[in-house]
Amino acid sequence: MNEKYIIKKEVNAFKCLRCGHEWIPRVSMAELTGTIKEKPRICPNCKSAYWDLEKKKKKK
């Protein structure tokens, strides 16, 4: 199989520390490979506003 049309690119992505969902934000390609100006407000999967903070463990 001729694979001249397949390319690999590294892009910035986010991971929710609550549900484990990973996603690529909808921003310009320059922001994906460089620095992203602002972080997302919520996780698109679990809708948590605290997606960038790990869950606290319950004390018994």
Protein backbone atom coordinates (compact mmCIF):
# COMPACT_ATOMS: atom_id res chain seq x y z
CA MET A 1 0.00 0.00 0.00
CA ASN A 2 1.35 3.39 -0.99
CA GLU A 3 1.26 5.64 2.10
CA LYS A 4 2.49 8.96 0.68
CA TYR A 5 -0.75 10.67 1.69
CA ILE A 6 -0.47 9.78 5.42
CA ILE A 7 1.17 12.40 7.64
CA LYS A 8 1.70 12.75 11.40
CA LYS A 9 1.27 16.00 13.32
CA GLU A 10 1.63 16.76 16.99
CA VAL A 11 -1.06 19.03 18.39
CA ASN A 12 -2.04 20.36 21.81
CA ALA A 13 -4.95 18.54 23.42
CA PHE A 14 -6.69 18.50 26.80
CA LYS A 15 -7.56 15.69 29.21
CA CYS A 16 -10.29 15.81 31.84
CA LEU A 17 -8.90 14.70 35.20
CA ARG A 18 -12.42 13.76 36.33
CA CYS A 19 -13.71 11.47 33.56
CA GLY A 20 -10.51 10.85 31.56
CA HIS A 21 -11.91 12.25 28.28
CA GLU A 22 -9.30 13.62 25.84
CA TRP A 23 -10.13 16.21 23.17
CA ILE A 24 -8.59 18.64 20.71
CA PRO A 25 -10.01 22.16 21.04
CA ARG A 26 -11.56 23.95 18.07
CA VAL A 27 -8.97 26.66 17.53
CA SER A 28 -6.78 27.76 14.66
CA MET A 29 -4.00 25.43 13.52
CA ALA A 30 -1.38 27.95 14.69
CA GLU A 31 -2.74 27.68 18.24
CA LEU A 32 -2.85 23.89 18.13
CA THR A 33 0.86 23.61 17.43
CA GLY A 34 1.92 26.67 19.46
CA THR A 35 0.55 27.99 22.73
CA ILE A 36 -3.19 28.02 23.36
CA LYS A 37 -4.44 31.41 24.56
CA GLU A 38 -7.15 30.21 26.95
CA LYS A 39 -8.18 26.88 28.42
CA PRO A 40 -11.67 25.43 27.96
CA ARG A 41 -14.31 26.28 30.58
CA ILE A 42 -15.86 22.80 30.80
CA CYS A 43 -15.17 19.23 29.74
CA PRO A 44 -17.24 18.44 26.62
CA ASN A 45 -17.94 14.92 27.90
CA CYS A 46 -18.93 15.24 31.58
CA LYS A 47 -19.63 19.02 31.52
CA SER A 48 -17.56 19.55 34.68
CA ALA A 49 -16.15 23.04 35.22
CA TYR A 50 -13.47 21.44 37.40
CA TRP A 51 -12.08 19.22 34.63
CA ASP A 52 -8.53 20.40 35.36
CA LEU A 53 -8.65 19.40 39.05
CA GLU A 54 -8.52 15.83 40.32
CA LYS A 55 -11.39 14.55 42.45
CA LYS A 56 -10.77 14.66 46.19
CA LYS A 57 -10.89 11.30 47.90
CA LYS A 58 -13.56 10.85 50.56
CA LYS A 59 -12.33 10.52 54.13
CA LYS A 60 -13.85 7.76 56.21
